C-alpha atoms as a PDB file:
ATOM      1  CA  MET A   1     -11.789   1.499 -14.139  1.00  0.00           C
ATOM      2  CA  GLN A   2     -15.276   1.721 -11.628  1.00  0.00           C
ATOM      3  CA  GLN A   3     -15.881  -2.251 -13.180  1.00  0.00           C
ATOM      4  CA  ILE A   4     -12.318  -3.270 -12.275  1.00  0.00           C
ATOM      5  CA  LEU A   5     -12.718  -1.463  -8.995  1.00  0.00           C
ATOM      6  CA  LEU A   6     -15.810  -3.037  -8.313  1.00  0.00           C
ATOM      7  CA  LEU A   7     -14.499  -6.860  -9.289  1.00  0.00           C
ATOM      8  CA  SER A   8     -11.572  -6.233  -6.803  1.00  0.00           C
ATOM      9  CA  VAL A   9     -13.657  -4.891  -3.643  1.00  0.00           C
ATOM     10  CA  LEU A  10     -16.066  -7.623  -4.044  1.00  0.00           C
ATOM     11  CA  LEU A  11     -13.458 -10.612  -3.901  1.00  0.00           C
ATOM     12  CA  PHE A  12     -11.086  -8.654  -1.776  1.00  0.00           C
ATOM     13  CA  ALA A  13     -12.333  -9.838   1.533  1.00  0.00           C
ATOM     14  CA  SER A  14     -10.757 -13.110   0.702  1.00  0.00           C
ATOM     15  CA  HIS A  15      -7.420 -12.059   1.281  1.00  0.00           C
ATOM     16  CA  CYS A  16      -5.837 -10.068   4.343  1.00  0.00           C
ATOM     17  CA  VAL A  17      -8.220 -10.879   6.993  1.00  0.00           C
ATOM     18  CA  GLY A  18      -5.581 -12.801   8.352  1.00  0.00           C
ATOM     19  CA  GLU A  19      -1.629 -13.136   8.158  1.00  0.00           C
ATOM     20  CA  GLU A  20       0.868 -15.697   8.847  1.00  0.00           C
ATOM     21  CA  PRO A  21       4.366 -14.552  10.072  1.00  0.00           C
ATOM     22  CA  ALA A  22       6.728 -17.120   9.069  1.00  0.00           C
ATOM     23  CA  ARG A  23       8.563 -16.956   6.355  1.00  0.00           C
ATOM     24  CA  THR A  24      10.710 -18.686   3.337  1.00  0.00           C
ATOM     25  CA  GLU A  25      14.014 -18.006   2.232  1.00  0.00           C
ATOM     26  CA  LEU A  26      15.030 -19.227  -1.053  1.00  0.00           C
ATOM     27  CA  ALA A  27      17.057 -22.737  -0.701  1.00  0.00           C
ATOM     28  CA  ALA A  28      20.739 -22.555  -1.987  1.00  0.00           C
ATOM     29  CA  GLY A  29      21.330 -23.770  -5.358  1.00  0.00           C
ATOM     30  CA  ASN A  30      17.670 -22.530  -6.837  1.00  0.00           C
ATOM     31  CA  SER A  31      17.522 -20.842 -10.228  1.00  0.00           C
ATOM     32  CA  VAL A  32      17.163 -17.437  -9.102  1.00  0.00           C
ATOM     33  CA  PRO A  33      19.003 -14.124  -8.765  1.00  0.00           C
ATOM     34  CA  LYS A  34      20.975 -14.324  -5.897  1.00  0.00           C
ATOM     35  CA  ALA A  35      20.657 -12.387  -2.613  1.00  0.00           C
ATOM     36  CA  GLY A  36      23.920 -10.121  -3.522  1.00  0.00           C
ATOM     37  CA  LYS A  37      22.403  -9.487  -7.131  1.00  0.00           C
ATOM     38  CA  TYR A  38      19.750  -7.393  -4.818  1.00  0.00           C
ATOM     39  CA  ALA A  39      22.023  -5.598  -2.935  1.00  0.00           C
ATOM     40  CA  ALA A  40      21.433  -1.625  -2.097  1.00  0.00           C
ATOM     41  CA  PRO A  41      24.217   0.031  -3.583  1.00  0.00           C
ATOM     42  CA  THR A  42      25.483   3.780  -2.219  1.00  0.00           C
ATOM     43  CA  ARG A  43      23.417   6.844  -3.846  1.00  0.00           C
ATOM     44  CA  LYS A  44      26.528   7.739  -5.745  1.00  0.00           C
ATOM     45  CA  SER A  45      26.832   4.519  -7.972  1.00  0.00           C
ATOM     46  CA  VAL A  46      23.456   4.896  -9.097  1.00  0.00           C
ATOM     47  CA  ALA A  47      23.040   8.161  -9.779  1.00  0.00           C
ATOM     48  CA  LYS A  48      22.771   7.576 -13.470  1.00  0.00           C
ATOM     49  CA  ALA A  49      22.383   3.931 -13.233  1.00  0.00           C
ATOM     50  CA  VAL A  50      18.532   3.444 -12.521  1.00  0.00           C
ATOM     51  CA  GLN A  51      16.065   3.733 -15.011  1.00  0.00           C
ATOM     52  CA  ARG A  52      12.673   5.210 -13.195  1.00  0.00           C
ATOM     53  CA  LEU A  53       9.458   3.870 -14.939  1.00  0.00           C
ATOM     54  CA  PHE A  54       7.229   6.186 -13.031  1.00  0.00           C
ATOM     55  CA  ASP A  55       7.572   8.925 -10.583  1.00  0.00           C
ATOM     56  CA  PHE A  56       5.062  10.477  -8.794  1.00  0.00           C
ATOM     57  CA  ALA A  57       6.879  13.690  -9.054  1.00  0.00           C
ATOM     58  CA  LEU A  58       4.983  16.059  -6.553  1.00  0.00           C
ATOM     59  CA  THR A  59       6.434  19.606  -7.004  1.00  0.00           C
ATOM     60  CA  PRO A  60       6.674  22.526  -4.433  1.00  0.00           C
ATOM     61  CA  ASP A  61       4.031  24.806  -6.831  1.00  0.00           C
ATOM     62  CA  MET A  62       1.121  21.819  -6.752  1.00  0.00           C
ATOM     63  CA  LYS A  63      -1.808  22.877  -4.112  1.00  0.00           C
ATOM     64  CA  THR A  64      -4.278  20.962  -2.343  1.00  0.00           C
ATOM     65  CA  ALA A  65      -7.257  22.538  -4.700  1.00  0.00           C
ATOM     66  CA  ASP A  66      -5.530  21.180  -7.681  1.00  0.00           C
ATOM     67  CA  LEU A  67      -6.928  18.025  -6.941  1.00  0.00           C
ATOM     68  CA  ASP A  68     -10.362  19.217  -7.906  1.00  0.00           C
ATOM     69  CA  VAL A  69      -9.102  20.738 -11.642  1.00  0.00           C
ATOM     70  CA  PRO A  70      -9.065  18.059 -13.737  1.00  0.00           C
ATOM     71  CA  LYS A  71      -5.567  17.951 -16.075  1.00  0.00           C
ATOM     72  CA  THR A  72      -3.719  19.618 -13.683  1.00  0.00           C
ATOM     73  CA  ALA A  73      -0.183  18.609 -13.139  1.00  0.00           C
ATOM     74  CA  VAL A  74      -0.873  16.592  -9.709  1.00  0.00           C
ATOM     75  CA  ASN A  75      -3.908  14.938 -11.456  1.00  0.00           C
ATOM     76  CA  LYS A  76      -1.900  13.829 -14.529  1.00  0.00           C
ATOM     77  CA  LEU A  77      -0.015  11.657 -12.018  1.00  0.00           C
ATOM     78  CA  ILE A  78      -3.723  10.110 -10.523  1.00  0.00           C
ATOM     79  CA  GLY A  79      -5.352   7.284 -12.487  1.00  0.00           C
ATOM     80  CA  TYR A  80      -7.930   7.388  -9.954  1.00  0.00           C
ATOM     81  CA  VAL A  81      -9.115   8.293  -6.236  1.00  0.00           C
ATOM     82  CA  VAL A  82     -11.126   6.215  -4.108  1.00  0.00           C
ATOM     83  CA  LYS A  83     -13.057   8.023  -1.957  1.00  0.00           C
ATOM     84  CA  GLY A  84     -16.145   9.001  -0.223  1.00  0.00           C
ATOM     85  CA  PRO A  85     -18.928  11.540  -1.843  1.00  0.00           C
ATOM     86  CA  ALA A  86     -17.070  14.595  -1.270  1.00  0.00           C
ATOM     87  CA  LYS A  87     -14.751  16.332  -3.438  1.00  0.00           C
ATOM     88  CA  PRO A  88     -11.071  14.870  -3.788  1.00  0.00           C
ATOM     89  CA  SER A  89      -9.389  17.955  -1.552  1.00  0.00           C
ATOM     90  CA  ALA A  90     -11.783  17.059   1.269  1.00  0.00           C
ATOM     91  CA  TYR A  91      -9.657  13.891   1.628  1.00  0.00           C
ATOM     92  CA  LEU A  92      -6.585  14.447  -0.077  1.00  0.00           C
ATOM     93  CA  SER A  93      -4.045  17.391   0.907  1.00  0.00           C
ATOM     94  CA  ILE A  94      -1.068  18.816  -0.686  1.00  0.00           C
ATOM     95  CA  LEU A  95       1.666  19.246   2.143  1.00  0.00           C
ATOM     96  CA  HIS A  96       4.705  20.948   1.368  1.00  0.00           C
ATOM     97  CA  PRO A  97       7.515  19.812   3.485  1.00  0.00           C
ATOM     98  CA  SER A  98      10.918  19.039   1.841  1.00  0.00           C
ATOM     99  CA  PRO A  99      10.206  16.834  -0.173  1.00  0.00           C
ATOM    100  CA  THR A 100       6.315  17.794  -0.757  1.00  0.00           C
ATOM    101  CA  LYS A 101       3.695  15.357   0.113  1.00  0.00           C
ATOM    102  CA  ILE A 102       0.380  13.684  -0.769  1.00  0.00           C
ATOM    103  CA  GLN A 103      -2.120  13.042   2.464  1.00  0.00           C
ATOM    104  CA  LEU A 104      -4.890  10.735   2.371  1.00  0.00           C
ATOM    105  CA  ALA A 105      -7.340  11.540   5.218  1.00  0.00           C
ATOM    106  CA  ILE A 106     -10.469   9.076   6.319  1.00  0.00           C
ATOM    107  CA  ARG A 107     -13.512  10.259   7.577  1.00  0.00           C
ATOM    108  CA  ASP A 108     -17.223   9.268   8.503  1.00  0.00           C
ATOM    109  CA  ASP A 109     -18.239   9.774   5.216  1.00  0.00           C
ATOM    110  CA  SER A 110     -15.050   7.557   3.820  1.00  0.00           C
ATOM    111  CA  ILE A 111     -17.563   5.003   2.339  1.00  0.00           C
ATOM    112  CA  PHE A 112     -16.685   3.953  -1.221  1.00  0.00           C
ATOM    113  CA  ILE A 113     -19.489   3.118  -3.844  1.00  0.00           C
ATOM    114  CA  PRO A 114     -18.154   1.379  -6.366  1.00  0.00           C
ATOM    115  CA  GLY A 115     -20.091   2.121  -9.957  1.00  0.00           C
ATOM    116  CA  GLY A 116     -22.347   4.798  -7.995  1.00  0.00           C
ATOM    117  CA  LYS A 117     -24.751   1.699  -6.909  1.00  0.00           C
ATOM    118  CA  PRO A 118     -26.002   2.559  -3.071  1.00  0.00           C
ATOM    119  CA  ALA A 119     -26.407  -1.392  -2.834  1.00  0.00           C
ATOM    120  CA  ASP A 120     -22.729  -1.850  -3.570  1.00  0.00           C
ATOM    121  CA  ALA A 121     -21.604   0.611  -0.956  1.00  0.00           C
ATOM    122  CA  GLN A 122     -18.600  -0.562   0.470  1.00  0.00           C
ATOM    123  CA  ARG A 123     -20.057   0.318   4.510  1.00  0.00           C
ATOM    124  CA  GLY A 124     -17.474  -1.675   6.252  1.00  0.00           C
ATOM    125  CA  PHE A 125     -14.396  -0.179   4.919  1.00  0.00           C
ATOM    126  CA  ARG A 126     -13.145   3.261   5.590  1.00  0.00           C
ATOM    127  CA  ARG A 127     -11.207   4.346   2.610  1.00  0.00           C
ATOM    128  CA  THR A 128      -9.517   6.940   0.348  1.00  0.00           C
ATOM    129  CA  ASP A 129      -6.882   5.607  -2.079  1.00  0.00           C
ATOM    130  CA  VAL A 130      -5.011   7.110  -4.879  1.00  0.00           C
ATOM    131  CA  ASN A 131      -4.143   5.087  -7.589  1.00  0.00           C
ATOM    132  CA  PRO A 132      -0.897   6.369  -9.458  1.00  0.00           C
ATOM    133  CA  ALA A 133      -1.126   6.574 -13.141  1.00  0.00           C
ATOM    134  CA  ILE A 134       1.727   3.841 -13.609  1.00  0.00           C
ATOM    135  CA  ASP A 135       2.167   2.085 -17.451  1.00  0.00           C
ATOM    136  CA  LYS A 136       1.234  -1.557 -16.563  1.00  0.00           C
ATOM    137  CA  THR A 137       3.084  -2.888 -19.625  1.00  0.00           C
ATOM    138  CA  THR A 138       6.211  -1.557 -18.321  1.00  0.00           C
ATOM    139  CA  THR A 139       5.977  -1.540 -14.347  1.00  0.00           C
ATOM    140  CA  LEU A 140       4.453  -4.411 -14.058  1.00  0.00           C
ATOM    141  CA  THR A 141       6.680  -7.148 -16.163  1.00  0.00           C
ATOM    142  CA  GLY A 142      10.769  -7.810 -15.634  1.00  0.00           C
ATOM    143  CA  VAL A 143      12.055  -6.502 -12.271  1.00  0.00           C
ATOM    144  CA  THR A 144      10.733  -3.592 -10.908  1.00  0.00           C
ATOM    145  CA  THR A 145      11.426  -2.037  -7.814  1.00  0.00           C
ATOM    146  CA  TRP A 146       8.255   0.099  -6.112  1.00  0.00           C
ATOM    147  CA  TYR A 147       9.428   3.066  -3.763  1.00  0.00           C
ATOM    148  CA  GLN A 148       7.243   4.756  -0.812  1.00  0.00           C
ATOM    149  CA  THR A 149       8.252   6.855   2.050  1.00  0.00           C
ATOM    150  CA  ILE A 150       5.129   6.467   4.673  1.00  0.00           C
ATOM    151  CA  ARG A 151       4.323   9.063   7.641  1.00  0.00           C
ATOM    152  CA  LEU A 152       2.245   8.798  10.010  1.00  0.00           C
ATOM    153  CA  ASP A 153       1.471  11.941  12.625  1.00  0.00           C
ATOM    154  CA  SER A 154       0.838  11.694  16.264  1.00  0.00           C
ATOM    155  CA  LYS A 155      -2.145  14.338  15.750  1.00  0.00           C
ATOM    156  CA  ALA A 156      -4.296  11.784  14.272  1.00  0.00           C
ATOM    157  CA  PRO A 157      -3.435   8.234  15.841  1.00  0.00           C
ATOM    158  CA  LEU A 158      -4.611   5.072  14.474  1.00  0.00           C
ATOM    159  CA  ALA A 159      -7.276   3.204  16.344  1.00  0.00           C
ATOM    160  CA  LEU A 160      -4.526  -0.300  16.176  1.00  0.00           C
ATOM    161  CA  SER A 161      -7.754  -2.311  17.214  1.00  0.00           C
ATOM    162  CA  HIS A 162      -8.145  -2.377  13.277  1.00  0.00           C
ATOM    163  CA  GLY A 163      -6.047  -3.145  10.420  1.00  0.00           C
ATOM    164  CA  TYR A 164      -4.767  -0.766   7.716  1.00  0.00           C
ATOM    165  CA  LEU A 165      -3.885  -0.973   4.564  1.00  0.00           C
ATOM    166  CA  PHE A 166      -1.190   2.069   3.409  1.00  0.00           C
ATOM    167  CA  ALA A 167       0.002   0.362  -0.123  1.00  0.00           C
ATOM    168  CA  SER A 168      -0.356  -2.215  -2.353  1.00  0.00           C
ATOM    169  CA  ILE A 169      -0.235  -3.990  -5.540  1.00  0.00           C
ATOM    170  CA  GLU A 170      -3.690  -5.102  -5.979  1.00  0.00           C
ATOM    171  CA  VAL A 171      -4.572  -7.643  -9.071  1.00  0.00           C
ATOM    172  CA  PRO A 172      -8.042  -8.544 -10.438  1.00  0.00           C
ATOM    173  CA  SER A 173      -8.845 -11.090  -7.670  1.00  0.00           C
ATOM    174  CA  GLY A 174      -8.339  -8.416  -4.869  1.00  0.00           C
ATOM    175  CA  ASP A 175      -5.136 -10.456  -3.714  1.00  0.00           C
ATOM    176  CA  HIS A 176      -2.058  -8.341  -3.397  1.00  0.00           C
ATOM    177  CA  ILE A 177       1.499  -9.051  -5.326  1.00  0.00           C
ATOM    178  CA  PHE A 178       2.621  -7.186  -2.093  1.00  0.00           C
ATOM    179  CA  ASP A 179       1.135  -4.841   0.606  1.00  0.00           C
ATOM    180  CA  ILE A 180       2.436  -2.701   3.600  1.00  0.00           C
ATOM    181  CA  PHE A 181       0.032  -2.833   6.599  1.00  0.00           C
ATOM    182  CA  GLY A 182      -0.437  -1.807  10.033  1.00  0.00           C
ATOM    183  CA  GLY A 183      -2.636  -2.659  13.263  1.00  0.00           C
ATOM    184  CA  SER A 184      -4.201  -5.606  13.963  1.00  0.00           C
ATOM    185  CA  TYR A 185      -5.545  -8.255  11.303  1.00  0.00           C
ATOM    186  CA  PHE A 186      -9.560  -8.817  10.951  1.00  0.00           C
ATOM    187  CA  ASN A 187     -10.265 -11.921  13.225  1.00  0.00           C
ATOM    188  CA  PRO A 188     -13.907 -12.776  12.835  1.00  0.00           C
ATOM    189  CA  LYS A 189     -14.598 -13.756  16.326  1.00  0.00           C
ATOM    190  CA  ASN A 190     -12.474 -10.902  18.249  1.00  0.00           C
ATOM    191  CA  ILE A 191     -16.093  -9.429  18.862  1.00  0.00           C
ATOM    192  CA  TYR A 192     -14.706  -7.878  21.926  1.00  0.00           C
ATOM    193  CA  HIS A 193     -12.165  -6.055  19.788  1.00  0.00           C
ATOM    194  CA  GLN A 194      -9.023  -6.602  21.551  1.00  0.00           C
ATOM    195  CA  PRO A 195      -5.807  -5.358  19.030  1.00  0.00           C
ATOM    196  CA  MET A 196      -3.288  -8.326  18.344  1.00  0.00           C
ATOM    197  CA  SER A 197      -0.402  -8.662  19.794  1.00  0.00           C
ATOM    198  CA  ASN A 198       1.450  -7.084  16.790  1.00  0.00           C
ATOM    199  CA  SER A 199      -0.719  -4.618  16.454  1.00  0.00           C
ATOM    200  CA  ARG A 200       2.092  -1.600  17.081  1.00  0.00           C
ATOM    201  CA  THR A 201       4.110  -2.796  13.552  1.00  0.00           C
ATOM    202  CA  ILE A 202       3.938  -2.069  10.134  1.00  0.00           C
ATOM    203  CA  ARG A 203       4.590  -4.718   8.156  1.00  0.00           C
ATOM    204  CA  VAL A 204       5.154  -5.542   4.367  1.00  0.00           C
ATOM    205  CA  ARG A 205       3.475  -9.017   3.103  1.00  0.00           C
ATOM    206  CA  ASP A 206       3.503 -11.506   0.274  1.00  0.00           C
ATOM    207  CA  PHE A 207       0.585 -11.956  -1.617  1.00  0.00           C
ATOM    208  CA  GLN A 208      -0.465 -14.772   0.907  1.00  0.00           C
ATOM    209  CA  GLY A 209      -0.543 -12.257   3.279  1.00  0.00           C
ATOM    210  CA  LYS A 210       2.612 -13.485   5.588  1.00  0.00           C
ATOM    211  CA  THR A 211       4.871 -10.843   6.555  1.00  0.00           C
ATOM    212  CA  LEU A 212       8.009 -10.408   5.253  1.00  0.00           C
ATOM    213  CA  LEU A 213       9.315  -7.107   6.949  1.00  0.00           C
ATOM    214  CA  SER A 214       8.007  -5.814  10.533  1.00  0.00           C
ATOM    215  CA  LEU A 215       8.857  -2.617  12.157  1.00  0.00           C
ATOM    216  CA  PRO A 216       7.719  -1.015  15.550  1.00  0.00           C
ATOM    217  CA  LEU A 217       5.119   1.339  14.530  1.00  0.00           C
ATOM    218  CA  LYS A 218       5.848   4.617  15.683  1.00  0.00           C
ATOM    219  CA  TYR A 219       4.572   8.386  14.829  1.00  0.00           C
ATOM    220  CA  ASP A 220       6.295  11.491  13.432  1.00  0.00           C
ATOM    221  CA  GLN A 221       8.882   9.292  11.573  1.00  0.00           C
ATOM    222  CA  ASN A 222       9.585   8.385   7.903  1.00  0.00           C
ATOM    223  CA  TYR A 223       9.397   4.736   6.908  1.00  0.00           C
ATOM    224  CA  ASN A 224      10.984   4.311   3.418  1.00  0.00           C
ATOM    225  CA  PHE A 225      10.120   1.160   2.026  1.00  0.00           C
ATOM    226  CA  ALA A 226      11.469  -0.118  -1.372  1.00  0.00           C
ATOM    227  CA  VAL A 227      10.329  -3.498  -2.588  1.00  0.00           C
ATOM    228  CA  THR A 228      11.930  -5.278  -5.730  1.00  0.00           C
ATOM    229  CA  VAL A 229       8.901  -7.498  -7.634  1.00  0.00           C
ATOM    230  CA  ASP A 230      10.839 -10.152 -10.022  1.00  0.00           C
ATOM    231  CA  TRP A 231       7.796 -11.103 -12.456  1.00  0.00           C
ATOM    232  CA  ILE A 232       9.690 -13.491 -14.140  1.00  0.00           C
ATOM    233  CA  GLN A 233      11.353 -15.354 -11.102  1.00  0.00           C
ATOM    234  CA  ASN A 234       8.312 -14.304  -8.909  1.00  0.00           C
ATOM    235  CA  THR A 235      10.523 -13.401  -5.904  1.00  0.00           C
ATOM    236  CA  LEU A 236       9.971 -10.066  -3.539  1.00  0.00           C
ATOM    237  CA  THR A 237      13.180  -8.571  -2.392  1.00  0.00           C
ATOM    238  CA  VAL A 238      12.266  -6.106   0.755  1.00  0.00           C
ATOM    239  CA  TYR A 239      14.597  -2.863   1.593  1.00  0.00           C
ATOM    240  CA  SER A 240      13.732  -0.006   4.123  1.00  0.00           C
ATOM    241  CA  SER A 241      14.957   2.789   6.124  1.00  0.00           C
ATOM    242  CA  ILE A 242      13.911   4.872   8.756  1.00  0.00           C
ATOM    243  CA  GLY A 243      14.418   8.777   8.637  1.00  0.00           C
ATOM    244  CA  THR A 244      17.145   9.833   6.809  1.00  0.00           C
ATOM    245  CA  ASP A 245      19.330   6.554   6.530  1.00  0.00           C
ATOM    246  CA  PRO A 246      19.952   5.050   3.064  1.00  0.00           C
ATOM    247  CA  LEU A 247      18.353   1.963   2.031  1.00  0.00           C
ATOM    248  CA  LYS A 248      19.289  -1.144   3.434  1.00  0.00           C
ATOM    249  CA  LYS A 249      18.198  -4.858   2.110  1.00  0.00           C
ATOM    250  CA  ALA A 250      15.736  -6.394   4.688  1.00  0.00           C
ATOM    251  CA  VAL A 251      14.916  -9.548   3.522  1.00  0.00           C
ATOM    252  CA  GLY A 252      14.829 -11.732  -0.057  1.00  0.00           C
ATOM    253  CA  PRO A 253      14.608 -12.643  -2.478  1.00  0.00           C
ATOM    254  CA  MET A 254      11.787 -14.509  -1.223  1.00  0.00           C
ATOM    255  CA  TYR A 255       9.357 -16.992  -3.360  1.00  0.00           C
ATOM    256  CA  ASN A 256       5.933 -15.231  -4.060  1.00  0.00           C
ATOM    257  CA  ASP A 257       2.822 -16.721  -4.019  1.00  0.00           C
ATOM    258  CA  PRO A 258       2.730 -18.898  -7.340  1.00  0.00           C
ATOM    259  CA  LYS A 259      -0.847 -17.273  -8.362  1.00  0.00           C
ATOM    260  CA  ALA A 260       1.164 -14.079  -8.636  1.00  0.00           C
ATOM    261  CA  ILE A 261       2.390 -14.729 -11.659  1.00  0.00           C
ATOM    262  CA  SER A 262      -0.985 -15.990 -13.097  1.00  0.00           C
ATOM    263  CA  PRO A 263      -1.623 -15.329 -16.812  1.00  0.00           C
ATOM    264  CA  GLU A 264      -4.615 -13.799 -15.974  1.00  0.00           C
ATOM    265  CA  PHE A 265      -3.285 -11.218 -13.948  1.00  0.00           C
ATOM    266  CA  LYS A 266      -0.665 -10.185 -16.600  1.00  0.00           C
ATOM    267  CA  HIS A 267       0.049  -6.102 -16.599  1.00  0.00           C
ATOM    268  CA  LYS A 268      -3.389  -6.262 -15.178  1.00  0.00           C
ATOM    269  CA  GLY A 269      -1.965  -4.612 -11.331  1.00  0.00           C
ATOM    270  CA  GLU A 270      -2.902  -1.632  -9.912  1.00  0.00           C
ATOM    271  CA  TYR A 271      -0.670   0.182  -7.258  1.00  0.00           C
ATOM    272  CA  HIS A 272      -2.740   1.770  -4.403  1.00  0.00           C
ATOM    273  CA  LEU A 273      -1.374   4.700  -1.829  1.00  0.00           C
ATOM    274  CA  GLN A 274      -4.130   4.176   0.565  1.00  0.00           C
ATOM    275  CA  LEU A 275      -5.301   4.751   3.953  1.00  0.00           C
ATOM    276  CA  LEU A 276      -8.183   2.090   4.253  1.00  0.00           C
ATOM    277  CA  LYS A 277      -9.394   0.670   7.483  1.00  0.00           C
ATOM    278  CA  TYR A 278     -10.758  -2.602   8.256  1.00  0.00           C
ATOM    279  CA  PRO A 279     -13.723  -2.894  10.410  1.00  0.00           C
ATOM    280  CA  LEU A 280     -13.658  -4.702  13.315  1.00  0.00           C
ATOM    281  CA  PRO A 281     -16.142  -7.622  13.913  1.00  0.00           C
ATOM    282  CA  ASP A 282     -19.923  -6.777  14.758  1.00  0.00           C
ATOM    283  CA  ALA A 283     -21.291  -9.352  17.358  1.00  0.00           C
ATOM    284  CA  LYS A 284     -24.981  -8.262  15.755  1.00  0.00           C
ATOM    285  CA  ILE A 285     -23.619  -9.597  11.835  1.00  0.00           C
ATOM    286  CA  PRO A 286     -24.417 -13.372  11.807  1.00  0.00           C
ATOM    287  CA  ALA A 287     -20.683 -14.947  11.571  1.00  0.00           C
ATOM    288  CA  GLU A 288     -20.924 -16.310   8.244  1.00  0.00           C
ATOM    289  CA  LYS A 289     -21.236 -12.770   6.912  1.00  0.00           C
ATOM    290  CA  ARG A 290     -18.212 -11.000   9.105  1.00  0.00           C
ATOM    291  CA  LEU A 291     -15.469 -12.286   6.521  1.00  0.00           C
ATOM    292  CA  ASP A 292     -17.523 -10.294   3.719  1.00  0.00           C
ATOM    293  CA  VAL A 293     -15.173  -7.261   5.243  1.00  0.00           C
ATOM    294  CA  PRO A 294     -15.914  -4.560   2.386  1.00  0.00           C
ATOM    295  CA  HIS A 295     -19.846  -4.436   3.432  1.00  0.00           C
ATOM    296  CA  PHE A 296     -20.240  -5.379   7.236  1.00  0.00           C
ATOM    297  CA  GLY A 297     -18.371  -4.567  10.226  1.00  0.00           C
ATOM    298  CA  PHE A 298     -18.148  -1.891  12.890  1.00  0.00           C
ATOM    299  CA  GLN A 299     -16.668   1.369  12.716  1.00  0.00           C
ATOM    300  CA  GLU A 300     -16.099   3.770  15.509  1.00  0.00           C
ATOM    301  CA  PRO A 301     -16.770   7.632  14.700  1.00  0.00           C
ATOM    302  CA  ILE A 302     -13.356   8.888  13.398  1.00  0.00           C
ATOM    303  CA  LYS A 303     -11.850  12.211  15.003  1.00  0.00           C
ATOM    304  CA  GLN A 304      -8.668  12.549  12.618  1.00  0.00           C
ATOM    305  CA  GLU A 305      -6.739  10.019  11.001  1.00  0.00           C
ATOM    306  CA  HIS A 306      -4.143  10.324   7.971  1.00  0.00           C
ATOM    307  CA  VAL A 307      -1.084   9.142   6.395  1.00  0.00           C
ATOM    308  CA  SER A 308       1.067  10.981   4.064  1.00  0.00           C
ATOM    309  CA  PHE A 309       3.679  10.151   1.300  1.00  0.00           C
ATOM    310  CA  SER A 310       6.439  10.457  -0.568  1.00  0.00           C
ATOM    311  CA  ASN A 311       9.255   9.440  -2.957  1.00  0.00           C
ATOM    312  CA  VAL A 312       6.841   7.198  -4.741  1.00  0.00           C
ATOM    313  CA  PHE A 313       8.312   6.158  -8.047  1.00  0.00           C
ATOM    314  CA  VAL A 314       9.079   3.014  -9.498  1.00  0.00           C
ATOM    315  CA  THR A 315      12.604   1.569 -11.423  1.00  0.00           C
ATOM    316  CA  SER A 316      13.592  -0.921 -13.710  1.00  0.00           C
ATOM    317  CA  GLY A 317      16.350  -3.810 -12.892  1.00  0.00           C
ATOM    318  CA  THR A 318      17.819  -4.710 -10.285  1.00  0.00           C
ATOM    319  CA  GLN A 319      19.862  -1.871  -9.070  1.00  0.00           C
ATOM    320  CA  ILE A 320      18.416  -0.132  -6.013  1.00  0.00           C
ATOM    321  CA  GLU A 321      18.505   3.915  -6.022  1.00  0.00           C
ATOM    322  CA  GLN A 322      18.885   5.905  -3.135  1.00  0.00           C
ATOM    323  CA  PRO A 323      16.899   8.885  -2.595  1.00  0.00           C
ATOM    324  CA  GLU A 324      18.198  11.758  -0.670  1.00  0.00           C
ATOM    325  CA  PHE A 325      15.390  11.058   2.452  1.00  0.00           C
ATOM    326  CA  SER A 326      14.101  13.770   4.377  1.00  0.00           C
ATOM    327  CA  ASP A 327      13.300  13.590   8.162  1.00  0.00           C
ATOM    328  CA  GLN A 328      10.167  15.755   7.755  1.00  0.00           C
END
């Protein structure tokens, strides 16, 4: 696992350092599923119709301390944790509103060292990632939908001159089948650290970093996202809602980059729930090194930054499940 992560992060700098907001709808007559096939049905109509392939089912009896103990129920849901040097509970917490949530925090020591080799330390990033223990042979094939509810806390505001990754499916090249991103994209020339014009948004993006959906970034509310990946037709369809509202289709199906279904990536993606904070460009670093964002860049001291996740699961097929969302 560490070798896979090392390969991914070394190549990660080539991806997501910029983004293009334009998007291309599927042209009429193309041999891809029609948009109506992906329409979100009512909650009752899919009560028994949708099959969950993976369920990150957090329960009220789970505790933060369980994260430090191997083979506990919560750790059986987790394949790997990307974190700093302290124990998992220093960065992860189990919260008990309804539904139960997992909170990911970053600190000044949230520096991942792949393989335990100090020379490879990712000093550019501050990151905490949870890789759910998905079955890659069933979730990364056919048509699958990836659900996650994301909540930001006004008591732990983000520094939106930076960019933040909240969720992604990452392939071995370091690229993302899709990701959920907020804040400012990295511009190596931005040595004065000005936030980008769209920094106060949360965006769902495709393999090329193009924005498919952009929503105002607000604290103390739940963002519900479901992203359907058609691994055969190579399309993405995005559903979203706020608070207790049911999911509605926002965009799609949209063509993804052809590289997303390259044979070398088959069944090799990693699903990340994450709080990955990009650096700001450091004027003291030579321009040719600034794009190596895992290893170079400027980070201010962190007072308190975290994000929480709930309703994390994966379903099979084109039907969309409508969870009973909470506003907590």
